């Protein structure tokens, strides 16, 4: 079992969130592929819900990343509640690997809630590793790259084929400016996980970071495109510069326009660059969803 002291692992910031019909796939189905997700169906007028809700939140917080909680107001979100045949509230479902695996109705005492969560963490077989991964991701988001790298490396020591840990370690190196070290790590990825989405995401981030180091002056490139909208190279370089300065959505828009004008330019460079940006972002990022939708409409128009 993973050997870090739990006291040194901060709780992830997204352990408890309000969900709904529109976000159910991302918040519950996709998220449950990494860690069990508990869904609490409740309503503001429900007395037992007011008892269960705080108790569930306290138990999830105490689990330190081994489970997550999504709270869904049935009055505001009736579609998912109907699909899961929620007939009374509070109703609680637990999801793991995209599937409902347990549940209960009505308010439970804290001791029973703890047993419910313990059963869920037993399903994963690596609650400590899931906890550590969540902590390492939070460290990375907060800029503690050295601590994140150390934690990801420790997880790899336990599970050498853990794609999330390898991708996280590579991203830690990238954030610290150690691009060569990140590249060496990714090139040496075990065959079993070499094409895993977490590893591909790190590769895409590495490529974009290297591009950013050579990005041209944004203002000059914008002026060149304004002067000659058919200057495809200037538009492509502008997209690279925009992405390098954090204007990702604007970069995507420029690449989509380039694809619209000449999808075959430079061996399909616009499409390739779009996929690199999409891969570097989270799958449910609004920029990815919107960009993929626009690209698809052009491809199949």
Protein backbone atom coordinates (compact mmCIF):
# COMPACT_ATOMS: atom_id res chain seq x y z
CA UNK A 1 0.00 0.00 0.00
CA UNK A 2 1.08 3.53 -0.66
CA UNK A 3 3.40 4.69 2.06
CA UNK A 4 2.92 8.47 2.35
CA UNK A 5 1.58 9.77 5.63
CA UNK A 6 -2.06 10.79 5.08
CA UNK A 7 -1.53 13.79 7.31
CA UNK A 8 0.81 15.23 4.70
CA UNK A 9 -1.66 14.82 1.84
CA UNK A 10 -4.02 17.79 1.39
CA UNK A 11 -7.62 17.10 0.50
CA UNK A 12 -8.51 17.73 -3.14
CA UNK A 13 -10.57 20.86 -3.70
CA UNK A 14 -13.18 19.19 -5.89
CA UNK A 15 -14.21 16.33 -3.59
CA UNK A 16 -17.70 17.80 -3.11
CA UNK A 17 -19.59 19.64 -5.82
CA UNK A 18 -23.09 20.51 -6.99
CA UNK A 19 -23.99 18.59 -10.13
CA UNK A 20 -26.86 18.33 -12.56
CA UNK A 21 -28.20 16.86 -15.77
CA UNK A 22 -25.77 18.77 -17.97
CA UNK A 23 -22.64 17.80 -16.04
CA UNK A 24 -23.57 14.27 -14.95
CA UNK A 25 -21.40 12.52 -17.54
CA UNK A 26 -18.28 14.48 -16.59
CA UNK A 27 -18.86 14.78 -12.83
CA UNK A 28 -20.04 11.22 -12.22
CA UNK A 29 -19.56 8.75 -15.08
CA UNK A 30 -16.12 9.92 -16.25
CA UNK A 31 -14.90 10.87 -12.77
CA UNK A 32 -15.88 7.44 -11.40
CA UNK A 33 -13.31 5.83 -13.68
CA UNK A 34 -10.66 7.30 -11.38
CA UNK A 35 -12.32 7.19 -7.95
CA UNK A 36 -15.77 6.14 -6.64
CA UNK A 37 -18.35 8.94 -6.89
CA UNK A 38 -21.30 9.20 -4.51
CA UNK A 39 -24.39 10.97 -5.86
CA UNK A 40 -26.80 12.53 -3.35
CA UNK A 41 -30.25 13.25 -4.78
CA UNK A 42 -31.90 15.86 -2.57
CA UNK A 43 -34.25 18.87 -2.52
CA UNK A 44 -34.43 22.06 -0.48
CA UNK A 45 -37.80 21.14 1.05
CA UNK A 46 -36.65 17.67 2.18
CA UNK A 47 -36.10 17.41 5.96
CA UNK A 48 -34.11 14.13 5.99
CA UNK A 49 -31.92 15.55 3.20
CA UNK A 50 -30.81 18.32 5.55
CA UNK A 51 -29.67 15.64 8.00
CA UNK A 52 -27.97 13.38 5.49
CA UNK A 53 -26.24 16.05 3.40
CA UNK A 54 -23.84 17.42 6.05
CA UNK A 55 -23.11 13.91 7.35
CA UNK A 56 -22.23 12.71 3.83
CA UNK A 57 -20.02 15.75 3.23
CA UNK A 58 -18.17 15.18 6.51
CA UNK A 59 -17.59 11.50 5.70
CA UNK A 60 -16.37 12.26 2.17
CA UNK A 61 -14.00 14.93 3.47
CA UNK A 62 -12.68 12.50 6.08
CA UNK A 63 -11.98 9.94 3.32
CA UNK A 64 -9.30 12.33 1.95
CA UNK A 65 -9.80 11.79 -1.76
CA UNK A 66 -10.77 8.12 -1.79
CA UNK A 67 -14.32 9.06 -2.86
CA UNK A 68 -16.06 12.13 -4.26
CA UNK A 69 -19.55 13.50 -3.70
CA UNK A 70 -21.87 15.08 -6.27
CA UNK A 71 -25.08 16.67 -4.94
CA UNK A 72 -28.03 16.88 -7.33
CA UNK A 73 -31.18 18.92 -6.60
CA UNK A 74 -34.01 16.83 -8.09
CA UNK A 75 -36.28 19.85 -8.50
CA UNK A 76 -33.73 21.50 -10.80
CA UNK A 77 -32.45 18.31 -12.49
CA UNK A 78 -35.17 15.80 -13.25
CA UNK A 79 -33.65 13.94 -16.21
CA UNK A 80 -30.96 11.94 -14.38
CA UNK A 81 -33.22 11.38 -11.38
CA UNK A 82 -35.83 9.93 -13.73
CA UNK A 83 -33.33 7.72 -15.53
CA UNK A 84 -32.15 6.28 -12.20
CA UNK A 85 -35.75 5.85 -11.01
CA UNK A 86 -35.33 8.06 -7.96
CA UNK A 87 -38.77 7.85 -6.33
CA UNK A 88 -38.05 9.31 -2.90
CA UNK A 89 -35.38 11.49 -1.39
CA UNK A 90 -32.80 11.46 -0.09
CA UNK A 91 -31.57 8.75 -2.44
CA UNK A 92 -27.86 8.00 -2.72
CA UNK A 93 -26.11 6.11 -5.50
CA UNK A 94 -22.44 5.17 -5.71
CA UNK A 95 -20.68 4.88 -9.08
CA UNK A 96 -17.42 3.10 -9.87
CA UNK A 97 -15.94 2.63 -13.36
CA UNK A 98 -18.96 4.35 -14.88
CA UNK A 99 -21.53 2.01 -13.31
CA UNK A 100 -23.81 2.24 -10.24
CA UNK A 101 -22.47 -0.23 -7.67
CA UNK A 102 -24.33 0.58 -4.44
CA UNK A 103 -26.88 2.90 -2.90
CA UNK A 104 -29.43 3.57 -0.19
CA UNK A 105 -32.52 5.66 0.59
CA UNK A 106 -33.24 7.85 3.58
CA UNK A 107 -30.94 9.38 6.17
CA UNK A 108 -28.33 7.12 7.80
CA UNK A 109 -26.29 7.62 10.99
CA UNK A 110 -22.64 8.60 10.58
CA UNK A 111 -21.43 5.10 11.43
CA UNK A 112 -23.46 3.56 8.60
CA UNK A 113 -22.28 6.22 6.15
CA UNK A 114 -18.69 5.38 7.04
CA UNK A 115 -19.34 1.68 6.38
CA UNK A 116 -20.90 2.61 3.03
CA UNK A 117 -17.79 4.59 2.04
CA UNK A 118 -15.44 1.89 3.32
CA UNK A 119 -17.17 -0.63 1.03
CA UNK A 120 -16.59 1.70 -1.91
CA UNK A 121 -12.90 2.19 -1.21
CA UNK A 122 -12.51 -1.59 -0.93
CA UNK A 123 -13.74 -1.85 -4.52
CA UNK A 124 -10.85 0.20 -5.86
CA UNK A 125 -8.13 -1.83 -4.20
CA UNK A 126 -5.88 1.26 -4.20
CA UNK A 127 -7.61 3.90 -2.13
CA UNK A 128 -4.25 5.21 -0.94
CA UNK A 129 -2.98 5.60 -4.48
CA UNK A 130 -6.15 7.40 -5.60
CA UNK A 131 -5.76 9.67 -2.58
CA UNK A 132 -2.14 10.40 -3.44
CA UNK A 133 -2.92 11.05 -7.12
CA UNK A 134 -5.57 13.60 -6.16
CA UNK A 135 -3.14 15.25 -3.77
CA UNK A 136 -0.35 15.36 -6.35
CA UNK A 137 -2.66 16.94 -8.93
CA UNK A 138 -3.61 19.61 -6.41
CA UNK A 139 0.04 20.28 -5.62
CA UNK A 140 0.74 20.72 -9.33
CA UNK A 141 -2.20 23.09 -9.78
CA UNK A 142 -0.94 25.16 -6.85
CA UNK A 143 2.55 25.40 -8.35
CA UNK A 144 4.29 23.05 -5.91
CA UNK A 145 5.99 21.23 -8.78
CA UNK A 146 8.74 19.59 -6.72
CA UNK A 147 6.26 18.15 -4.19
CA UNK A 148 3.98 17.00 -7.00
CA UNK A 149 6.86 15.31 -8.82
CA UNK A 150 7.94 13.54 -5.63
CA UNK A 151 4.43 12.23 -5.02
CA UNK A 152 3.89 11.10 -8.63
CA UNK A 153 7.29 9.36 -8.54
CA UNK A 154 6.37 7.58 -5.32
CA UNK A 155 3.15 6.32 -6.90
CA UNK A 156 5.13 5.03 -9.89
CA UNK A 157 7.34 3.22 -7.41
CA UNK A 158 4.23 1.34 -6.28
CA UNK A 159 2.68 0.98 -9.74
CA UNK A 160 5.20 1.42 -12.61
CA UNK A 161 2.38 1.19 -15.17
CA UNK A 162 0.17 3.85 -13.59
CA UNK A 163 -0.53 6.12 -16.57
CA UNK A 164 -1.98 8.95 -14.48
CA UNK A 165 1.14 9.06 -12.30
CA UNK A 166 3.53 8.94 -15.25
CA UNK A 167 1.64 11.66 -17.08
CA UNK A 168 1.52 13.71 -13.89
CA UNK A 169 5.25 13.33 -13.32
CA UNK A 170 5.96 14.44 -16.89
CA UNK A 171 3.68 17.46 -16.47
CA UNK A 172 5.49 18.30 -13.23
CA UNK A 173 8.80 18.33 -15.11
CA UNK A 174 7.26 20.50 -17.81
CA UNK A 175 5.94 22.97 -15.25
CA UNK A 176 9.40 23.12 -13.69
CA UNK A 177 10.97 23.82 -17.09
CA UNK A 178 12.71 20.42 -17.31
CA UNK A 179 11.48 19.67 -20.81
CA UNK A 180 14.23 17.22 -21.70
CA UNK A 181 13.57 15.22 -18.54
CA UNK A 182 9.86 15.14 -19.34
CA UNK A 183 10.57 13.97 -22.89
CA UNK A 184 12.90 11.21 -21.69
CA UNK A 185 10.29 10.00 -19.21
CA UNK A 186 7.54 9.93 -21.83
CA UNK A 187 9.74 8.17 -24.38
CA UNK A 188 10.52 5.49 -21.80
CA UNK A 189 6.86 4.88 -20.90
CA UNK A 190 6.02 1.16 -20.57
CA UNK A 191 4.39 -0.18 -23.73
CA UNK A 192 1.18 -0.95 -21.86
CA UNK A 193 0.52 2.72 -21.11
CA UNK A 194 2.48 4.44 -23.90
CA UNK A 195 -0.74 5.49 -25.65
CA UNK A 196 -2.88 6.05 -22.54
CA UNK A 197 -4.78 9.34 -22.56
CA UNK A 198 -2.82 10.68 -19.57
CA UNK A 199 0.49 10.02 -21.33
CA UNK A 200 -0.75 11.46 -24.62
CA UNK A 201 -1.93 14.57 -22.78
CA UNK A 202 1.54 15.09 -21.31
CA UNK A 203 3.13 14.60 -24.74
CA UNK A 204 0.79 17.21 -26.20
CA UNK A 205 1.57 19.64 -23.39
CA UNK A 206 5.30 19.10 -23.94
CA UNK A 207 4.96 19.82 -27.67
CA UNK A 208 2.99 23.01 -27.02
CA UNK A 209 5.51 24.16 -24.42
CA UNK A 210 8.38 23.69 -26.86
CA UNK A 211 6.42 25.62 -29.49
CA UNK A 212 5.80 28.43 -27.00
CA UNK A 213 9.54 28.92 -26.52
CA UNK A 214 9.83 29.81 -30.21
CA UNK A 215 6.56 31.71 -30.60
CA UNK A 216 6.73 34.90 -32.62
CA UNK A 217 5.50 38.35 -31.51
CA UNK A 218 1.71 38.19 -31.28
CA UNK A 219 1.05 41.79 -32.38
CA UNK A 220 3.18 41.49 -35.50
CA UNK A 221 1.59 38.19 -36.48
CA UNK A 222 -1.90 39.60 -35.95
CA UNK A 223 -0.99 42.56 -38.17
CA UNK A 224 0.28 40.19 -40.86
CA UNK A 225 -2.96 38.20 -40.81
CA UNK A 226 -5.05 41.39 -40.89
CA UNK A 227 -3.04 42.63 -43.88
CA UNK A 228 -3.34 39.32 -45.74
CA UNK A 229 -5.97 36.86 -44.44
CA UNK A 230 -4.65 34.30 -46.94
CA UNK A 231 -1.22 34.25 -45.26
CA UNK A 232 -1.63 30.77 -43.80
CA UNK A 233 1.80 30.59 -42.18
CA UNK A 234 1.22 33.87 -40.35
CA UNK A 235 -2.17 32.64 -39.11
CA UNK A 236 -0.66 29.35 -37.92
CA UNK A 237 2.18 31.19 -36.16
CA UNK A 238 -0.38 33.57 -34.61
CA UNK A 239 -2.26 30.58 -33.20
CA UNK A 240 0.97 29.28 -31.65
CA UNK A 241 1.67 32.70 -30.12
CA UNK A 242 -1.87 33.01 -28.78
CA UNK A 243 -1.72 29.58 -27.17
CA UNK A 244 1.68 30.40 -25.67
CA UNK A 245 0.22 33.48 -23.99
CA UNK A 246 -2.71 31.52 -22.54
CA UNK A 247 -5.29 32.63 -25.12
CA UNK A 248 -6.19 29.06 -25.95
CA UNK A 249 -9.70 29.66 -27.26
CA UNK A 250 -8.45 32.41 -29.60
CA UNK A 251 -5.72 30.06 -30.83
CA UNK A 252 -8.32 27.39 -31.58
CA UNK A 253 -10.45 29.92 -33.47
CA UNK A 254 -7.48 30.90 -35.67
CA UNK A 255 -6.71 27.25 -36.43
CA UNK A 256 -10.34 26.55 -37.27
CA UNK A 257 -10.32 29.50 -39.66
CA UNK A 258 -7.11 28.21 -41.24
CA UNK A 259 -8.68 24.76 -41.63
CA UNK A 260 -11.76 26.34 -43.21
CA UNK A 261 -9.62 28.23 -45.71
CA UNK A 262 -7.30 25.36 -46.65
CA UNK A 263 -7.59 22.10 -44.74
CA UNK A 264 -4.69 20.53 -46.66
CA UNK A 265 -2.22 23.37 -46.09
CA UNK A 266 1.16 22.13 -44.87
CA UNK A 267 -0.04 18.51 -44.76
CA UNK A 268 -3.06 19.34 -42.60
CA UNK A 269 -1.08 21.31 -40.03
CA UNK A 270 -4.15 23.16 -38.70
CA UNK A 271 -6.00 19.95 -37.87
CA UNK A 272 -2.89 18.37 -36.32
CA UNK A 273 -2.31 21.43 -34.15
CA UNK A 274 -5.95 21.48 -33.07
CA UNK A 275 -5.74 17.87 -31.91
CA UNK A 276 -2.52 18.65 -30.03
CA UNK A 277 -4.27 21.45 -28.13
CA UNK A 278 -7.33 19.28 -27.49
CA UNK A 279 -5.17 16.44 -26.18
CA UNK A 280 -3.35 18.78 -23.78
CA UNK A 281 -6.63 19.94 -22.22
CA UNK A 282 -9.12 17.96 -20.18
CA UNK A 283 -11.67 16.09 -22.37
CA UNK A 284 -14.62 18.01 -20.90
CA UNK A 285 -13.01 21.44 -21.20
CA UNK A 286 -15.55 23.74 -22.93
CA UNK A 287 -12.84 24.83 -25.39
CA UNK A 288 -12.34 21.20 -26.42
CA UNK A 289 -16.04 20.42 -26.72
CA UNK A 290 -16.76 23.56 -28.74
CA UNK A 291 -13.66 23.20 -30.90
CA UNK A 292 -14.26 19.54 -31.72
CA UNK A 293 -17.87 20.29 -32.60
CA UNK A 294 -16.87 23.09 -35.01
CA UNK A 295 -14.10 21.00 -36.56
CA UNK A 296 -16.46 18.06 -37.10
CA UNK A 297 -19.03 20.30 -38.76
CA UNK A 298 -16.35 21.48 -41.22
CA UNK A 299 -15.03 17.98 -41.91
CA UNK A 300 -18.45 16.50 -42.62
CA UNK A 301 -20.00 19.54 -44.26
